[in-house]
Amino acid sequence: MPEETPTPAQFETSLDELDKLVKELERGDLPLEKSIELFERGMKLSTECRKQLEAAETRVEVLMRRGGETVAVPFKPEKP
């Protein structure tokens, strides 16, 4: 039976789960199989988050306006 592809979770939810997985793996007290399982899940979450960020960046670029026309401008967040 093929594995169903889950609908993408909200970015914040995925990032929170990824953060928890990293902390759990960093403890270093897990059995190898559990570590591999968590690592695989983390890689999937990382890829999902990256894709969501890229999509958001593209949307921001499209929405930037210059001189009354929509112009693709690379998104550069301000540094605090």
N, C-alpha and C. Protein backbone atom coordinates (compact mmCIF):
# COMPACT_ATOMS: atom_id res chain seq x y z
N MET A 1 0.84 -1.18 0.00
CA MET A 1 0.00 0.00 0.00
C MET A 1 0.89 1.24 0.00
N PRO A 2 0.72 2.16 -0.97
CA PRO A 2 1.58 3.34 -1.04
C PRO A 2 1.33 4.27 0.14
N GLU A 3 2.40 4.95 0.55
CA GLU A 3 2.31 5.89 1.66
C GLU A 3 1.63 7.17 1.19
N GLU A 4 0.67 7.65 1.96
CA GLU A 4 -0.02 8.88 1.60
C GLU A 4 0.88 10.07 1.88
N THR A 5 0.84 11.05 0.97
CA THR A 5 1.61 12.27 1.19
C THR A 5 0.77 13.20 2.04
N PRO A 6 1.29 13.57 3.23
CA PRO A 6 0.51 14.46 4.08
C PRO A 6 0.46 15.86 3.50
N THR A 7 -0.62 16.58 3.79
CA THR A 7 -0.69 17.97 3.36
C THR A 7 0.33 18.76 4.15
N PRO A 8 0.96 19.73 3.51
CA PRO A 8 1.99 20.49 4.21
C PRO A 8 1.44 21.15 5.47
N ALA A 9 2.15 20.97 6.55
CA ALA A 9 1.75 21.60 7.81
C ALA A 9 2.12 23.07 7.76
N GLN A 10 1.55 23.82 8.67
CA GLN A 10 1.93 25.21 8.74
C GLN A 10 3.42 25.31 9.04
N PHE A 11 4.04 26.33 8.52
CA PHE A 11 5.48 26.49 8.66
C PHE A 11 5.90 26.48 10.13
N GLU A 12 5.21 27.22 10.95
CA GLU A 12 5.58 27.32 12.36
C GLU A 12 5.48 25.97 13.07
N THR A 13 4.46 25.20 12.73
CA THR A 13 4.28 23.88 13.33
C THR A 13 5.42 22.96 12.93
N SER A 14 5.77 22.97 11.66
CA SER A 14 6.87 22.13 11.17
C SER A 14 8.19 22.55 11.79
N LEU A 15 8.41 23.85 11.89
CA LEU A 15 9.66 24.35 12.47
C LEU A 15 9.76 23.98 13.94
N ASP A 16 8.65 24.06 14.65
CA ASP A 16 8.63 23.69 16.07
C ASP A 16 8.95 22.21 16.24
N GLU A 17 8.35 21.37 15.41
CA GLU A 17 8.61 19.94 15.48
C GLU A 17 10.08 19.64 15.15
N LEU A 18 10.60 20.32 14.15
CA LEU A 18 12.00 20.14 13.76
C LEU A 18 12.93 20.53 14.92
N ASP A 19 12.61 21.62 15.58
CA ASP A 19 13.41 22.06 16.73
C ASP A 19 13.40 21.00 17.83
N LYS A 20 12.25 20.42 18.10
CA LYS A 20 12.15 19.38 19.13
C LYS A 20 12.95 18.14 18.74
N LEU A 21 12.90 17.77 17.46
CA LEU A 21 13.66 16.61 16.99
C LEU A 21 15.16 16.84 17.15
N VAL A 22 15.61 18.03 16.80
CA VAL A 22 17.03 18.35 16.92
C VAL A 22 17.48 18.25 18.37
N LYS A 23 16.69 18.82 19.28
CA LYS A 23 17.05 18.77 20.70
C LYS A 23 17.09 17.33 21.21
N GLU A 24 16.14 16.51 20.76
CA GLU A 24 16.11 15.11 21.17
C GLU A 24 17.33 14.36 20.65
N LEU A 25 17.70 14.63 19.39
CA LEU A 25 18.87 13.97 18.81
C LEU A 25 20.16 14.45 19.48
N GLU A 26 20.22 15.71 19.85
CA GLU A 26 21.43 16.25 20.47
C GLU A 26 21.69 15.67 21.85
N ARG A 27 20.67 15.18 22.50
CA ARG A 27 20.88 14.55 23.82
C ARG A 27 21.81 13.35 23.70
N GLY A 28 21.71 12.63 22.58
CA GLY A 28 22.62 11.52 22.32
C GLY A 28 22.35 10.24 23.08
N ASP A 29 21.17 10.12 23.67
CA ASP A 29 20.89 8.92 24.46
C ASP A 29 19.86 7.99 23.81
N LEU A 30 19.64 8.16 22.52
CA LEU A 30 18.65 7.34 21.81
C LEU A 30 19.31 6.13 21.17
N PRO A 31 18.54 5.04 21.03
CA PRO A 31 19.05 3.90 20.26
C PRO A 31 19.24 4.31 18.80
N LEU A 32 20.11 3.60 18.11
CA LEU A 32 20.44 3.93 16.73
C LEU A 32 19.20 3.99 15.83
N GLU A 33 18.35 2.99 15.89
CA GLU A 33 17.16 2.96 15.02
C GLU A 33 16.25 4.17 15.26
N LYS A 34 16.06 4.54 16.52
CA LYS A 34 15.23 5.70 16.85
C LYS A 34 15.89 6.98 16.34
N SER A 35 17.21 7.07 16.47
CA SER A 35 17.94 8.24 15.98
C SER A 35 17.78 8.38 14.47
N ILE A 36 17.89 7.27 13.76
CA ILE A 36 17.75 7.31 12.30
C ILE A 36 16.33 7.72 11.92
N GLU A 37 15.35 7.18 12.62
CA GLU A 37 13.95 7.52 12.36
C GLU A 37 13.72 9.03 12.56
N LEU A 38 14.24 9.56 13.65
CA LEU A 38 14.07 10.99 13.92
C LEU A 38 14.82 11.84 12.91
N PHE A 39 16.01 11.38 12.52
CA PHE A 39 16.79 12.10 11.52
C PHE A 39 16.04 12.17 10.19
N GLU A 40 15.46 11.05 9.77
CA GLU A 40 14.69 11.02 8.52
C GLU A 40 13.51 11.98 8.59
N ARG A 41 12.80 11.98 9.72
CA ARG A 41 11.67 12.89 9.88
C ARG A 41 12.15 14.34 9.84
N GLY A 42 13.28 14.59 10.48
CA GLY A 42 13.83 15.94 10.48
C GLY A 42 14.20 16.42 9.09
N MET A 43 14.77 15.53 8.28
CA MET A 43 15.12 15.89 6.91
C MET A 43 13.88 16.24 6.09
N LYS A 44 12.80 15.46 6.29
CA LYS A 44 11.56 15.75 5.58
C LYS A 44 11.00 17.10 6.00
N LEU A 45 11.02 17.36 7.31
CA LEU A 45 10.53 18.64 7.81
C LEU A 45 11.38 19.80 7.29
N SER A 46 12.68 19.61 7.27
CA SER A 46 13.59 20.64 6.78
C SER A 46 13.29 20.98 5.31
N THR A 47 13.10 19.96 4.51
CA THR A 47 12.78 20.16 3.10
C THR A 47 11.45 20.88 2.95
N GLU A 48 10.46 20.47 3.73
CA GLU A 48 9.15 21.10 3.68
C GLU A 48 9.23 22.58 4.07
N CYS A 49 9.96 22.87 5.13
CA CYS A 49 10.12 24.26 5.58
C CYS A 49 10.83 25.10 4.52
N ARG A 50 11.88 24.54 3.93
CA ARG A 50 12.62 25.26 2.89
C ARG A 50 11.72 25.59 1.71
N LYS A 51 10.90 24.64 1.29
CA LYS A 51 9.99 24.86 0.17
C LYS A 51 8.97 25.95 0.52
N GLN A 52 8.46 25.92 1.74
CA GLN A 52 7.49 26.93 2.15
C GLN A 52 8.13 28.32 2.20
N LEU A 53 9.38 28.40 2.67
CA LEU A 53 10.08 29.68 2.68
C LEU A 53 10.33 30.20 1.28
N GLU A 54 10.72 29.31 0.38
CA GLU A 54 10.94 29.72 -1.01
C GLU A 54 9.65 30.23 -1.65
N ALA A 55 8.54 29.55 -1.36
CA ALA A 55 7.25 29.98 -1.91
C ALA A 55 6.87 31.35 -1.35
N ALA A 56 7.10 31.56 -0.06
CA ALA A 56 6.78 32.85 0.55
C ALA A 56 7.67 33.95 -0.03
N GLU A 57 8.94 33.65 -0.23
CA GLU A 57 9.86 34.63 -0.81
C GLU A 57 9.40 35.02 -2.22
N THR A 58 8.98 34.03 -3.00
CA THR A 58 8.49 34.30 -4.34
C THR A 58 7.26 35.21 -4.30
N ARG A 59 6.36 34.93 -3.37
CA ARG A 59 5.16 35.77 -3.24
C ARG A 59 5.53 37.20 -2.89
N VAL A 60 6.49 37.37 -1.99
CA VAL A 60 6.92 38.72 -1.60
C VAL A 60 7.53 39.44 -2.79
N GLU A 61 8.37 38.73 -3.55
CA GLU A 61 9.00 39.34 -4.72
C GLU A 61 7.95 39.82 -5.72
N VAL A 62 6.93 39.01 -5.93
CA VAL A 62 5.89 39.36 -6.89
C VAL A 62 5.08 40.57 -6.41
N LEU A 63 4.90 40.68 -5.11
CA LEU A 63 4.08 41.75 -4.57
C LEU A 63 4.81 43.08 -4.41
N MET A 64 6.11 43.07 -4.50
CA MET A 64 6.87 44.32 -4.38
C MET A 64 6.51 45.21 -5.57
N ARG A 65 6.25 46.44 -5.26
CA ARG A 65 5.89 47.38 -6.34
C ARG A 65 6.95 48.48 -6.44
N ARG A 66 7.25 48.84 -7.67
CA ARG A 66 8.19 49.92 -7.90
C ARG A 66 7.66 50.75 -9.07
N GLY A 67 7.36 52.02 -8.81
CA GLY A 67 6.86 52.91 -9.86
C GLY A 67 5.50 52.51 -10.40
N GLY A 68 4.64 51.94 -9.55
CA GLY A 68 3.30 51.58 -9.98
C GLY A 68 3.23 50.25 -10.71
N GLU A 69 4.35 49.64 -11.01
CA GLU A 69 4.36 48.36 -11.68
C GLU A 69 4.89 47.29 -10.74
N THR A 70 4.36 46.10 -10.91
CA THR A 70 4.86 44.99 -10.11
C THR A 70 6.19 44.55 -10.70
N VAL A 71 7.22 44.58 -9.86
CA VAL A 71 8.55 44.22 -10.29
C VAL A 71 9.10 43.20 -9.31
N ALA A 72 9.69 42.15 -9.83
CA ALA A 72 10.30 41.16 -8.95
C ALA A 72 11.55 41.76 -8.33
N VAL A 73 11.51 41.90 -7.01
CA VAL A 73 12.63 42.43 -6.26
C VAL A 73 13.01 41.38 -5.22
N PRO A 74 14.25 40.95 -5.20
CA PRO A 74 14.62 39.93 -4.21
C PRO A 74 14.33 40.40 -2.79
N PHE A 75 13.81 39.50 -1.99
CA PHE A 75 13.46 39.78 -0.61
C PHE A 75 14.73 39.77 0.23
N LYS A 76 14.98 40.88 0.94
CA LYS A 76 16.14 40.97 1.83
C LYS A 76 15.63 41.50 3.17
N PRO A 77 15.52 40.62 4.16
CA PRO A 77 15.02 41.07 5.45
C PRO A 77 15.99 42.04 6.10
N GLU A 78 15.41 42.97 6.85
CA GLU A 78 16.24 43.95 7.56
C GLU A 78 16.91 43.25 8.73
N LYS A 79 18.15 43.60 8.97
CA LYS A 79 18.87 43.03 10.11
C LYS A 79 18.52 43.84 11.35
N PRO A 80 18.29 43.13 12.50
CA PRO A 80 17.92 43.85 13.72
C PRO A 80 19.03 44.72 14.26
